[in-house]
Amino acid sequence: MVVIYNHFKQKYSATNMLGFELAATFWHFIDILWVYLFLFLYFVR
């Protein structure tokens, strides 16, 4: 939500993408965490 808000406020430019890149990295980390959690629970049972 913060990234979308900042996008509409035009806070991102071609040279200032740090907030966007950090948000993308965070969500990729969460995706990988869910995959590991699923696999862990699958193989533990």
PDB file of N, CA and C in Angstrom:
ATOM      1  N   MET A   1       0.819  -1.187   0.000  1.00  0.00           N
ATOM      2  CA  MET A   1       0.000   0.000   0.000  1.00  0.00           C
ATOM      3  C   MET A   1       0.872   1.265   0.000  1.00  0.00           C
ATOM      4  N   VAL A   2       1.956   1.205   0.721  1.00  0.00           N
ATOM      5  CA  VAL A   2       2.839   2.370   0.782  1.00  0.00           C
ATOM      6  C   VAL A   2       3.466   2.632  -0.579  1.00  0.00           C
ATOM      7  N   VAL A   3       3.858   1.580  -1.271  1.00  0.00           N
ATOM      8  CA  VAL A   3       4.472   1.734  -2.594  1.00  0.00           C
ATOM      9  C   VAL A   3       3.469   2.328  -3.576  1.00  0.00           C
ATOM     10  N   ILE A   4       2.236   1.862  -3.530  1.00  0.00           N
ATOM     11  CA  ILE A   4       1.200   2.401  -4.418  1.00  0.00           C
ATOM     12  C   ILE A   4       0.948   3.868  -4.093  1.00  0.00           C
ATOM     13  N   TYR A   5       0.879   4.196  -2.806  1.00  0.00           N
ATOM     14  CA  TYR A   5       0.677   5.585  -2.388  1.00  0.00           C
ATOM     15  C   TYR A   5       1.815   6.470  -2.890  1.00  0.00           C
ATOM     16  N   ASN A   6       3.050   6.012  -2.692  1.00  0.00           N
ATOM     17  CA  ASN A   6       4.200   6.796  -3.152  1.00  0.00           C
ATOM     18  C   ASN A   6       4.243   6.901  -4.671  1.00  0.00           C
ATOM     19  N   HIS A   7       3.779   5.880  -5.356  1.00  0.00           N
ATOM     20  CA  HIS A   7       3.729   5.941  -6.818  1.00  0.00           C
ATOM     21  C   HIS A   7       2.790   7.052  -7.279  1.00  0.00           C
ATOM     22  N   PHE A   8       1.620   7.122  -6.676  1.00  0.00           N
ATOM     23  CA  PHE A   8       0.669   8.157  -7.080  1.00  0.00           C
ATOM     24  C   PHE A   8       1.101   9.547  -6.633  1.00  0.00           C
ATOM     25  N   LYS A   9       1.924   9.631  -5.597  1.00  0.00           N
ATOM     26  CA  LYS A   9       2.493  10.915  -5.185  1.00  0.00           C
ATOM     27  C   LYS A   9       3.724  11.275  -6.015  1.00  0.00           C
ATOM     28  N   GLN A  10       4.088  10.393  -6.954  1.00  0.00           N
ATOM     29  CA  GLN A  10       5.228  10.560  -7.859  1.00  0.00           C
ATOM     30  C   GLN A  10       6.539  10.753  -7.101  1.00  0.00           C
ATOM     31  N   LYS A  11       6.742   9.917  -6.082  1.00  0.00           N
ATOM     32  CA  LYS A  11       7.987   9.969  -5.323  1.00  0.00           C
ATOM     33  C   LYS A  11       9.073   9.109  -5.939  1.00  0.00           C
ATOM     34  N   TYR A  12       8.710   8.266  -6.903  1.00  0.00           N
ATOM     35  CA  TYR A  12       9.691   7.415  -7.566  1.00  0.00           C
ATOM     36  C   TYR A  12      10.027   7.990  -8.931  1.00  0.00           C
ATOM     37  N   SER A  13      11.297   7.926  -9.267  1.00  0.00           N
ATOM     38  CA  SER A  13      11.757   8.360 -10.587  1.00  0.00           C
ATOM     39  C   SER A  13      12.780   7.336 -11.072  1.00  0.00           C
ATOM     40  N   ALA A  14      13.331   7.583 -12.222  1.00  0.00           N
ATOM     41  CA  ALA A  14      14.320   6.652 -12.777  1.00  0.00           C
ATOM     42  C   ALA A  14      15.570   6.573 -11.898  1.00  0.00           C
ATOM     43  N   THR A  15      15.872   7.636 -11.183  1.00  0.00           N
ATOM     44  CA  THR A  15      17.065   7.645 -10.334  1.00  0.00           C
ATOM     45  C   THR A  15      16.750   7.362  -8.872  1.00  0.00           C
ATOM     46  N   ASN A  16      15.488   7.469  -8.466  1.00  0.00           N
ATOM     47  CA  ASN A  16      15.103   7.267  -7.074  1.00  0.00           C
ATOM     48  C   ASN A  16      14.100   6.120  -6.976  1.00  0.00           C
ATOM     49  N   MET A  17      14.617   4.895  -6.977  1.00  0.00           N
ATOM     50  CA  MET A  17      13.757   3.710  -6.917  1.00  0.00           C
ATOM     51  C   MET A  17      14.045   2.860  -5.677  1.00  0.00           C
ATOM     52  N   LEU A  18      14.745   3.403  -4.702  1.00  0.00           N
ATOM     53  CA  LEU A  18      15.166   2.606  -3.556  1.00  0.00           C
ATOM     54  C   LEU A  18      13.976   2.036  -2.784  1.00  0.00           C
ATOM     55  N   GLY A  19      12.968   2.848  -2.512  1.00  0.00           N
ATOM     56  CA  GLY A  19      11.801   2.365  -1.778  1.00  0.00           C
ATOM     57  C   GLY A  19      11.090   1.255  -2.513  1.00  0.00           C
ATOM     58  N   PHE A  20      10.972   1.395  -3.817  1.00  0.00           N
ATOM     59  CA  PHE A  20      10.329   0.370  -4.638  1.00  0.00           C
ATOM     60  C   PHE A  20      11.143  -0.916  -4.640  1.00  0.00           C
ATOM     61  N   GLU A  21      12.453  -0.793  -4.780  1.00  0.00           N
ATOM     62  CA  GLU A  21      13.320  -1.971  -4.803  1.00  0.00           C
ATOM     63  C   GLU A  21      13.327  -2.686  -3.454  1.00  0.00           C
ATOM     64  N   LEU A  22      13.306  -1.935  -2.360  1.00  0.00           N
ATOM     65  CA  LEU A  22      13.264  -2.560  -1.043  1.00  0.00           C
ATOM     66  C   LEU A  22      11.940  -3.280  -0.816  1.00  0.00           C
ATOM     67  N   ALA A  23      10.850  -2.701  -1.286  1.00  0.00           N
ATOM     68  CA  ALA A  23       9.547  -3.356  -1.163  1.00  0.00           C
ATOM     69  C   ALA A  23       9.511  -4.640  -1.983  1.00  0.00           C
ATOM     70  N   ALA A  24      10.070  -4.612  -3.176  1.00  0.00           N
ATOM     71  CA  ALA A  24      10.111  -5.812  -4.021  1.00  0.00           C
ATOM     72  C   ALA A  24      10.969  -6.895  -3.375  1.00  0.00           C
ATOM     73  N   THR A  25      12.099  -6.518  -2.802  1.00  0.00           N
ATOM     74  CA  THR A  25      12.961  -7.479  -2.120  1.00  0.00           C
ATOM     75  C   THR A  25      12.254  -8.084  -0.914  1.00  0.00           C
ATOM     76  N   PHE A  26      11.554  -7.260  -0.161  1.00  0.00           N
ATOM     77  CA  PHE A  26      10.812  -7.746   1.000  1.00  0.00           C
ATOM     78  C   PHE A  26       9.756  -8.768   0.593  1.00  0.00           C
ATOM     79  N   TRP A  27       8.974  -8.476  -0.455  1.00  0.00           N
ATOM     80  CA  TRP A  27       7.913  -9.392  -0.868  1.00  0.00           C
ATOM     81  C   TRP A  27       8.470 -10.678  -1.456  1.00  0.00           C
ATOM     82  N   HIS A  28       9.618 -10.609  -2.125  1.00  0.00           N
ATOM     83  CA  HIS A  28      10.244 -11.839  -2.605  1.00  0.00           C
ATOM     84  C   HIS A  28      10.732 -12.687  -1.423  1.00  0.00           C
ATOM     85  N   PHE A  29      11.248 -12.033  -0.405  1.00  0.00           N
ATOM     86  CA  PHE A  29      11.652 -12.758   0.797  1.00  0.00           C
ATOM     87  C   PHE A  29      10.459 -13.452   1.446  1.00  0.00           C
ATOM     88  N   ILE A  30       9.330 -12.767   1.534  1.00  0.00           N
ATOM     89  CA  ILE A  30       8.117 -13.352   2.110  1.00  0.00           C
ATOM     90  C   ILE A  30       7.644 -14.531   1.265  1.00  0.00           C
ATOM     91  N   ASP A  31       7.712 -14.404  -0.057  1.00  0.00           N
ATOM     92  CA  ASP A  31       7.333 -15.522  -0.939  1.00  0.00           C
ATOM     93  C   ASP A  31       8.191 -16.755  -0.668  1.00  0.00           C
ATOM     94  N   ILE A  32       9.492 -16.561  -0.589  1.00  0.00           N
ATOM     95  CA  ILE A  32      10.405 -17.680  -0.342  1.00  0.00           C
ATOM     96  C   ILE A  32      10.149 -18.278   1.043  1.00  0.00           C
ATOM     97  N   LEU A  33       9.865 -17.421   2.014  1.00  0.00           N
ATOM     98  CA  LEU A  33       9.567 -17.904   3.356  1.00  0.00           C
ATOM     99  C   LEU A  33       8.332 -18.799   3.371  1.00  0.00           C
ATOM    100  N   TRP A  34       7.295 -18.427   2.625  1.00  0.00           N
ATOM    101  CA  TRP A  34       6.087 -19.262   2.543  1.00  0.00           C
ATOM    102  C   TRP A  34       6.380 -20.606   1.891  1.00  0.00           C
ATOM    103  N   VAL A  35       7.210 -20.618   0.865  1.00  0.00           N
ATOM    104  CA  VAL A  35       7.565 -21.882   0.207  1.00  0.00           C
ATOM    105  C   VAL A  35       8.297 -22.792   1.189  1.00  0.00           C
ATOM    106  N   TYR A  36       9.280 -22.248   1.910  1.00  0.00           N
ATOM    107  CA  TYR A  36      10.002 -23.053   2.888  1.00  0.00           C
ATOM    108  C   TYR A  36       9.078 -23.543   3.995  1.00  0.00           C
ATOM    109  N   LEU A  37       8.182 -22.694   4.457  1.00  0.00           N
ATOM    110  CA  LEU A  37       7.246 -23.099   5.498  1.00  0.00           C
ATOM    111  C   LEU A  37       6.345 -24.225   5.015  1.00  0.00           C
ATOM    112  N   PHE A  38       5.838 -24.111   3.809  1.00  0.00           N
ATOM    113  CA  PHE A  38       4.993 -25.155   3.245  1.00  0.00           C
ATOM    114  C   PHE A  38       5.752 -26.472   3.130  1.00  0.00           C
ATOM    115  N   LEU A  39       6.963 -26.417   2.589  1.00  0.00           N
ATOM    116  CA  LEU A  39       7.754 -27.639   2.448  1.00  0.00           C
ATOM    117  C   LEU A  39       8.099 -28.247   3.804  1.00  0.00           C
ATOM    118  N   PHE A  40       8.429 -27.417   4.752  1.00  0.00           N
ATOM    119  CA  PHE A  40       8.737 -27.909   6.093  1.00  0.00           C
ATOM    120  C   PHE A  40       7.536 -28.625   6.698  1.00  0.00           C
ATOM    121  N   LEU A  41       6.372 -28.005   6.638  1.00  0.00           N
ATOM    122  CA  LEU A  41       5.175 -28.628   7.201  1.00  0.00           C
ATOM    123  C   LEU A  41       4.765 -29.873   6.424  1.00  0.00           C
ATOM    124  N   TYR A  42       5.010 -29.874   5.135  1.00  0.00           N
ATOM    125  CA  TYR A  42       4.669 -31.036   4.316  1.00  0.00           C
ATOM    126  C   TYR A  42       5.524 -32.248   4.681  1.00  0.00           C
ATOM    127  N   PHE A  43       6.822 -32.027   4.851  1.00  0.00           N
ATOM    128  CA  PHE A  43       7.722 -33.149   5.117  1.00  0.00           C
ATOM    129  C   PHE A  43       7.766 -33.544   6.592  1.00  0.00           C
ATOM    130  N   VAL A  44       7.369 -32.682   7.488  1.00  0.00           N
ATOM    131  CA  VAL A  44       7.346 -33.028   8.904  1.00  0.00           C
ATOM    132  C   VAL A  44       6.196 -33.980   9.187  1.00  0.00           C
ATOM    133  N   ARG A  45       5.099 -33.805   8.519  1.00  0.00           N
ATOM    134  CA  ARG A  45       3.939 -34.680   8.752  1.00  0.00           C
ATOM    135  C   ARG A  45       4.138 -35.941   8.082  1.00  0.00           C
TER     136      ARG A  45
END
